């Protein structure tokens, strides 16, 4: 019997744990976060949308950033 190790990540300062591997796009869907009009940073570095189908790494610190109008 194979036991999977949960994947723990932090999103916008909140800790989350997932039983199975998932992509960045699936993570956003699961957490009901928008997928349009946002930018992502992983461990302080920009994470381009072209990589959102890659699996989320264990221990990642993800920030979901939205554009705000005004000055």
PDB file of N, CA and C in Angstrom:
ATOM      1  N   UNK A   1       0.849  -1.179   0.000  1.00  0.00           N
ATOM      2  CA  UNK A   1       0.000   0.000   0.000  1.00  0.00           C
ATOM      3  C   UNK A   1       0.895   1.242   0.000  1.00  0.00           C
ATOM      4  N   UNK A   2       0.644   2.143  -0.915  1.00  0.00           N
ATOM      5  CA  UNK A   2       1.420   3.365  -1.022  1.00  0.00           C
ATOM      6  C   UNK A   2       0.714   4.481  -0.268  1.00  0.00           C
ATOM      7  N   UNK A   3       1.463   5.173   0.565  1.00  0.00           N
ATOM      8  CA  UNK A   3       0.905   6.292   1.316  1.00  0.00           C
ATOM      9  C   UNK A   3       1.432   7.575   0.707  1.00  0.00           C
ATOM     10  N   UNK A   4       0.524   8.485   0.376  1.00  0.00           N
ATOM     11  CA  UNK A   4       0.986   9.746  -0.182  1.00  0.00           C
ATOM     12  C   UNK A   4       1.216  10.744   0.946  1.00  0.00           C
ATOM     13  N   UNK A   5       2.235  11.550   0.789  1.00  0.00           N
ATOM     14  CA  UNK A   5       2.555  12.580   1.758  1.00  0.00           C
ATOM     15  C   UNK A   5       1.832  13.843   1.336  1.00  0.00           C
ATOM     16  N   UNK A   6       1.077  14.465   2.243  1.00  0.00           N
ATOM     17  CA  UNK A   6       0.357  15.683   1.872  1.00  0.00           C
ATOM     18  C   UNK A   6       1.306  16.772   1.383  1.00  0.00           C
ATOM     19  N   UNK A   7       0.783  17.598   0.504  1.00  0.00           N
ATOM     20  CA  UNK A   7       1.538  18.735  -0.019  1.00  0.00           C
ATOM     21  C   UNK A   7       1.083  19.964   0.751  1.00  0.00           C
ATOM     22  N   UNK A   8       1.991  20.544   1.507  1.00  0.00           N
ATOM     23  CA  UNK A   8       1.686  21.738   2.271  1.00  0.00           C
ATOM     24  C   UNK A   8       2.231  22.967   1.581  1.00  0.00           C
ATOM     25  N   UNK A   9       1.394  23.970   1.404  1.00  0.00           N
ATOM     26  CA  UNK A   9       1.803  25.236   0.796  1.00  0.00           C
ATOM     27  C   UNK A   9       1.181  26.386   1.582  1.00  0.00           C
ATOM     28  N   UNK A  10       1.732  27.568   1.392  1.00  0.00           N
ATOM     29  CA  UNK A  10       1.170  28.773   1.971  1.00  0.00           C
ATOM     30  C   UNK A  10       0.696  29.654   0.825  1.00  0.00           C
ATOM     31  N   UNK A  11      -0.556  30.095   0.892  1.00  0.00           N
ATOM     32  CA  UNK A  11      -1.114  30.962  -0.135  1.00  0.00           C
ATOM     33  C   UNK A  11      -1.610  32.235   0.550  1.00  0.00           C
ATOM     34  N   UNK A  12      -1.012  33.359   0.164  1.00  0.00           N
ATOM     35  CA  UNK A  12      -1.364  34.658   0.755  1.00  0.00           C
ATOM     36  C   UNK A  12      -1.321  34.610   2.280  1.00  0.00           C
ATOM     37  N   UNK A  13      -0.324  33.917   2.813  1.00  0.00           N
ATOM     38  CA  UNK A  13      -0.125  33.861   4.259  1.00  0.00           C
ATOM     39  C   UNK A  13      -0.904  32.786   4.987  1.00  0.00           C
ATOM     40  N   UNK A  14      -1.791  32.065   4.310  1.00  0.00           N
ATOM     41  CA  UNK A  14      -2.586  31.006   4.934  1.00  0.00           C
ATOM     42  C   UNK A  14      -2.040  29.639   4.521  1.00  0.00           C
ATOM     43  N   UNK A  15      -1.897  28.749   5.500  1.00  0.00           N
ATOM     44  CA  UNK A  15      -1.394  27.401   5.230  1.00  0.00           C
ATOM     45  C   UNK A  15      -2.511  26.513   4.684  1.00  0.00           C
ATOM     46  N   UNK A  16      -2.154  25.694   3.681  1.00  0.00           N
ATOM     47  CA  UNK A  16      -3.095  24.748   3.079  1.00  0.00           C
ATOM     48  C   UNK A  16      -2.381  23.417   2.901  1.00  0.00           C
ATOM     49  N   UNK A  17      -3.141  22.329   2.987  1.00  0.00           N
ATOM     50  CA  UNK A  17      -2.584  21.004   2.776  1.00  0.00           C
ATOM     51  C   UNK A  17      -3.474  20.256   1.796  1.00  0.00           C
ATOM     52  N   UNK A  18      -2.843  19.577   0.840  1.00  0.00           N
ATOM     53  CA  UNK A  18      -3.579  18.826  -0.171  1.00  0.00           C
ATOM     54  C   UNK A  18      -3.073  17.396  -0.180  1.00  0.00           C
ATOM     55  N   UNK A  19      -4.003  16.447  -0.296  1.00  0.00           N
ATOM     56  CA  UNK A  19      -3.654  15.030  -0.227  1.00  0.00           C
ATOM     57  C   UNK A  19      -2.963  14.529  -1.492  1.00  0.00           C
ATOM     58  N   UNK A  20      -3.277  15.136  -2.630  1.00  0.00           N
ATOM     59  CA  UNK A  20      -2.731  14.666  -3.902  1.00  0.00           C
ATOM     60  C   UNK A  20      -2.047  15.814  -4.628  1.00  0.00           C
ATOM     61  N   UNK A  21      -1.086  15.489  -5.490  1.00  0.00           N
ATOM     62  CA  UNK A  21      -0.441  16.536  -6.282  1.00  0.00           C
ATOM     63  C   UNK A  21      -1.469  17.276  -7.136  1.00  0.00           C
ATOM     64  N   UNK A  22      -1.230  18.574  -7.324  1.00  0.00           N
ATOM     65  CA  UNK A  22      -2.099  19.360  -8.178  1.00  0.00           C
ATOM     66  C   UNK A  22      -1.282  20.462  -8.829  1.00  0.00           C
ATOM     67  N   UNK A  23      -1.799  20.955  -9.950  1.00  0.00           N
ATOM     68  CA  UNK A  23      -1.111  22.026 -10.667  1.00  0.00           C
ATOM     69  C   UNK A  23      -1.439  23.361 -10.003  1.00  0.00           C
ATOM     70  N   UNK A  24      -0.705  24.379 -10.368  1.00  0.00           N
ATOM     71  CA  UNK A  24      -0.962  25.721  -9.851  1.00  0.00           C
ATOM     72  C   UNK A  24      -2.374  26.154 -10.242  1.00  0.00           C
ATOM     73  N   UNK A  25      -2.761  25.875 -11.476  1.00  0.00           N
ATOM     74  CA  UNK A  25      -4.108  26.228 -11.957  1.00  0.00           C
ATOM     75  C   UNK A  25      -5.181  25.512 -11.115  1.00  0.00           C
ATOM     76  N   UNK A  26      -4.969  24.221 -10.819  1.00  0.00           N
ATOM     77  CA  UNK A  26      -5.913  23.460  -9.996  1.00  0.00           C
ATOM     78  C   UNK A  26      -5.965  24.009  -8.570  1.00  0.00           C
ATOM     79  N   UNK A  27      -4.830  24.441  -8.061  1.00  0.00           N
ATOM     80  CA  UNK A  27      -4.773  25.041  -6.725  1.00  0.00           C
ATOM     81  C   UNK A  27      -5.641  26.296  -6.673  1.00  0.00           C
ATOM     82  N   UNK A  28      -5.506  27.157  -7.669  1.00  0.00           N
ATOM     83  CA  UNK A  28      -6.315  28.376  -7.723  1.00  0.00           C
ATOM     84  C   UNK A  28      -7.805  28.032  -7.770  1.00  0.00           C
ATOM     85  N   UNK A  29      -8.163  27.038  -8.586  1.00  0.00           N
ATOM     86  CA  UNK A  29      -9.562  26.612  -8.683  1.00  0.00           C
ATOM     87  C   UNK A  29     -10.052  26.062  -7.344  1.00  0.00           C
ATOM     88  N   UNK A  30      -9.259  25.208  -6.730  1.00  0.00           N
ATOM     89  CA  UNK A  30      -9.649  24.582  -5.464  1.00  0.00           C
ATOM     90  C   UNK A  30      -9.863  25.628  -4.366  1.00  0.00           C
ATOM     91  N   UNK A  31      -9.048  26.679  -4.365  1.00  0.00           N
ATOM     92  CA  UNK A  31      -9.167  27.728  -3.355  1.00  0.00           C
ATOM     93  C   UNK A  31     -10.130  28.838  -3.786  1.00  0.00           C
ATOM     94  N   UNK A  32     -10.782  28.637  -4.944  1.00  0.00           N
ATOM     95  CA  UNK A  32     -11.747  29.595  -5.497  1.00  0.00           C
ATOM     96  C   UNK A  32     -11.140  30.984  -5.669  1.00  0.00           C
ATOM     97  N   UNK A  33      -9.909  31.003  -6.174  1.00  0.00           N
ATOM     98  CA  UNK A  33      -9.214  32.254  -6.470  1.00  0.00           C
ATOM     99  C   UNK A  33      -9.323  32.530  -7.969  1.00  0.00           C
ATOM    100  N   UNK A  34      -9.286  33.789  -8.363  1.00  0.00           N
ATOM    101  CA  UNK A  34      -9.407  34.118  -9.789  1.00  0.00           C
ATOM    102  C   UNK A  34      -8.196  33.614 -10.573  1.00  0.00           C
ATOM    103  N   UNK A  35      -8.416  33.368 -11.850  1.00  0.00           N
ATOM    104  CA  UNK A  35      -7.311  32.983 -12.728  1.00  0.00           C
ATOM    105  C   UNK A  35      -7.036  34.055 -13.772  1.00  0.00           C
ATOM    106  N   UNK A  36      -7.841  35.107 -13.769  1.00  0.00           N
ATOM    107  CA  UNK A  36      -7.644  36.214 -14.712  1.00  0.00           C
ATOM    108  C   UNK A  36      -7.388  37.488 -13.930  1.00  0.00           C
ATOM    109  N   UNK A  37      -6.549  38.352 -14.492  1.00  0.00           N
ATOM    110  CA  UNK A  37      -6.266  39.633 -13.861  1.00  0.00           C
ATOM    111  C   UNK A  37      -5.400  39.530 -12.625  1.00  0.00           C
ATOM    112  N   UNK A  38      -4.629  38.442 -12.524  1.00  0.00           N
ATOM    113  CA  UNK A  38      -3.757  38.258 -11.366  1.00  0.00           C
ATOM    114  C   UNK A  38      -2.336  37.949 -11.814  1.00  0.00           C
ATOM    115  N   UNK A  39      -1.428  38.057 -10.890  1.00  0.00           N
ATOM    116  CA  UNK A  39      -0.049  37.609 -11.085  1.00  0.00           C
ATOM    117  C   UNK A  39       0.295  36.742  -9.880  1.00  0.00           C
ATOM    118  N   UNK A  40       1.195  35.798 -10.087  1.00  0.00           N
ATOM    119  CA  UNK A  40       1.617  34.924  -8.997  1.00  0.00           C
ATOM    120  C   UNK A  40       3.096  35.105  -8.713  1.00  0.00           C
ATOM    121  N   UNK A  41       3.420  35.010  -7.446  1.00  0.00           N
ATOM    122  CA  UNK A  41       4.813  34.953  -7.018  1.00  0.00           C
ATOM    123  C   UNK A  41       4.969  33.687  -6.181  1.00  0.00           C
ATOM    124  N   UNK A  42       6.021  32.953  -6.433  1.00  0.00           N
ATOM    125  CA  UNK A  42       6.327  31.754  -5.658  1.00  0.00           C
ATOM    126  C   UNK A  42       7.673  31.982  -4.999  1.00  0.00           C
ATOM    127  N   UNK A  43       7.679  31.899  -3.680  1.00  0.00           N
ATOM    128  CA  UNK A  43       8.897  32.142  -2.902  1.00  0.00           C
ATOM    129  C   UNK A  43       9.561  33.462  -3.298  1.00  0.00           C
ATOM    130  N   UNK A  44       8.727  34.480  -3.560  1.00  0.00           N
ATOM    131  CA  UNK A  44       9.221  35.821  -3.850  1.00  0.00           C
ATOM    132  C   UNK A  44       9.598  36.090  -5.287  1.00  0.00           C
ATOM    133  N   UNK A  45       9.458  35.110  -6.176  1.00  0.00           N
ATOM    134  CA  UNK A  45       9.808  35.297  -7.589  1.00  0.00           C
ATOM    135  C   UNK A  45       8.553  35.176  -8.452  1.00  0.00           C
ATOM    136  N   UNK A  46       8.479  35.989  -9.485  1.00  0.00           N
ATOM    137  CA  UNK A  46       7.341  35.935 -10.410  1.00  0.00           C
ATOM    138  C   UNK A  46       7.222  34.521 -10.985  1.00  0.00           C
ATOM    139  N   UNK A  47       5.987  34.023 -11.019  1.00  0.00           N
ATOM    140  CA  UNK A  47       5.709  32.699 -11.569  1.00  0.00           C
ATOM    141  C   UNK A  47       4.789  32.898 -12.770  1.00  0.00           C
ATOM    142  N   UNK A  48       5.335  32.806 -13.991  1.00  0.00           N
ATOM    143  CA  UNK A  48       4.558  33.145 -15.195  1.00  0.00           C
ATOM    144  C   UNK A  48       3.392  32.196 -15.450  1.00  0.00           C
ATOM    145  N   UNK A  49       2.361  32.735 -16.064  1.00  0.00           N
ATOM    146  CA  UNK A  49       1.164  31.959 -16.381  1.00  0.00           C
ATOM    147  C   UNK A  49       1.502  30.748 -17.266  1.00  0.00           C
ATOM    148  N   UNK A  50       2.543  30.839 -18.050  1.00  0.00           N
ATOM    149  CA  UNK A  50       2.950  29.724 -18.911  1.00  0.00           C
ATOM    150  C   UNK A  50       3.360  28.492 -18.101  1.00  0.00           C
ATOM    151  N   UNK A  51       3.569  28.657 -16.802  1.00  0.00           N
ATOM    152  CA  UNK A  51       3.980  27.528 -15.945  1.00  0.00           C
ATOM    153  C   UNK A  51       2.870  27.057 -15.008  1.00  0.00           C
ATOM    154  N   UNK A  52       1.670  27.598 -15.128  1.00  0.00           N
ATOM    155  CA  UNK A  52       0.587  27.264 -14.210  1.00  0.00           C
ATOM    156  C   UNK A  52       0.103  25.822 -14.300  1.00  0.00           C
ATOM    157  N   UNK A  53       0.468  25.092 -15.340  1.00  0.00           N
ATOM    158  CA  UNK A  53       0.067  23.690 -15.438  1.00  0.00           C
ATOM    159  C   UNK A  53       1.099  22.761 -14.791  1.00  0.00           C
ATOM    160  N   UNK A  54       2.165  23.334 -14.247  1.00  0.00           N
ATOM    161  CA  UNK A  54       3.178  22.549 -13.529  1.00  0.00           C
ATOM    162  C   UNK A  54       2.665  22.222 -12.129  1.00  0.00           C
ATOM    163  N   UNK A  55       3.150  21.117 -11.547  1.00  0.00           N
ATOM    164  CA  UNK A  55       2.705  20.766 -10.194  1.00  0.00           C
ATOM    165  C   UNK A  55       3.228  21.733  -9.141  1.00  0.00           C
ATOM    166  N   UNK A  56       2.405  21.934  -8.120  1.00  0.00           N
ATOM    167  CA  UNK A  56       2.787  22.758  -6.973  1.00  0.00           C
ATOM    168  C   UNK A  56       3.848  22.009  -6.174  1.00  0.00           C
ATOM    169  N   UNK A  57       4.871  22.727  -5.748  1.00  0.00           N
ATOM    170  CA  UNK A  57       5.932  22.119  -4.964  1.00  0.00           C
ATOM    171  C   UNK A  57       5.631  22.163  -3.472  1.00  0.00           C
ATOM    172  N   UNK A  58       6.049  21.146  -2.771  1.00  0.00           N
ATOM    173  CA  UNK A  58       5.864  21.065  -1.320  1.00  0.00           C
ATOM    174  C   UNK A  58       6.566  22.243  -0.648  1.00  0.00           C
ATOM    175  N   UNK A  59       5.851  22.949   0.220  1.00  0.00           N
ATOM    176  CA  UNK A  59       6.443  24.040   0.972  1.00  0.00           C
ATOM    177  C   UNK A  59       6.485  25.385   0.271  1.00  0.00           C
ATOM    178  N   UNK A  60       5.922  25.475  -0.917  1.00  0.00           N
ATOM    179  CA  UNK A  60       5.935  26.753  -1.631  1.00  0.00           C
ATOM    180  C   UNK A  60       5.183  27.826  -0.847  1.00  0.00           C
ATOM    181  N   UNK A  61       5.664  29.050  -0.941  1.00  0.00           N
ATOM    182  CA  UNK A  61       4.952  30.223  -0.432  1.00  0.00           C
ATOM    183  C   UNK A  61       4.461  30.988  -1.658  1.00  0.00           C
ATOM    184  N   UNK A  62       3.159  30.967  -1.870  1.00  0.00           N
ATOM    185  CA  UNK A  62       2.549  31.547  -3.069  1.00  0.00           C
ATOM    186  C   UNK A  62       1.802  32.827  -2.686  1.00  0.00           C
ATOM    187  N   UNK A  63       2.031  33.863  -3.456  1.00  0.00           N
ATOM    188  CA  UNK A  63       1.291  35.111  -3.285  1.00  0.00           C
ATOM    189  C   UNK A  63       0.488  35.350  -4.550  1.00  0.00           C
ATOM    190  N   UNK A  64      -0.807  35.584  -4.395  1.00  0.00           N
ATOM    191  CA  UNK A  64      -1.685  35.908  -5.514  1.00  0.00           C
ATOM    192  C   UNK A  64      -1.885  37.419  -5.478  1.00  0.00           C
ATOM    193  N   UNK A  65      -1.453  38.083  -6.546  1.00  0.00           N
ATOM    194  CA  UNK A  65      -1.469  39.542  -6.593  1.00  0.00           C
ATOM    195  C   UNK A  65      -2.482  40.017  -7.630  1.00  0.00           C
ATOM    196  N   UNK A  66      -3.294  40.997  -7.245  1.00  0.00           N
ATOM    197  CA  UNK A  66      -4.260  41.581  -8.176  1.00  0.00           C
ATOM    198  C   UNK A  66      -3.893  43.021  -8.445  1.00  0.00           C
ATOM    199  N   UNK A  67      -4.188  43.473  -9.644  1.00  0.00           N
ATOM    200  CA  UNK A  67      -3.937  44.855 -10.022  1.00  0.00           C
ATOM    201  C   UNK A  67      -5.000  45.733  -9.386  1.00  0.00           C
ATOM    202  N   UNK A  68      -4.572  46.890  -8.909  1.00  0.00           N
ATOM    203  CA  UNK A  68      -5.501  47.839  -8.292  1.00  0.00           C
ATOM    204  C   UNK A  68      -5.353  49.174  -9.018  1.00  0.00           C
ATOM    205  N   UNK A  69      -6.487  49.752  -9.415  1.00  0.00           N
ATOM    206  CA  UNK A  69      -6.451  51.036 -10.087  1.00  0.00           C
ATOM    207  C   UNK A  69      -6.407  52.164  -9.072  1.00  0.00           C
ATOM    208  N   UNK A  70      -5.895  53.256  -9.505  1.00  0.00           N
ATOM    209  CA  UNK A  70      -5.849  54.432  -8.624  1.00  0.00           C
ATOM    210  C   UNK A  70      -4.437  54.840  -8.328  1.00  0.00           C
ATOM    211  N   UNK A  71      -4.272  55.830  -7.529  1.00  0.00           N
ATOM    212  CA  UNK A  71      -2.922  56.298  -7.275  1.00  0.00           C
ATOM    213  C   UNK A  71      -2.694  56.774  -5.893  1.00  0.00           C
TER     214      UNK A  71
END
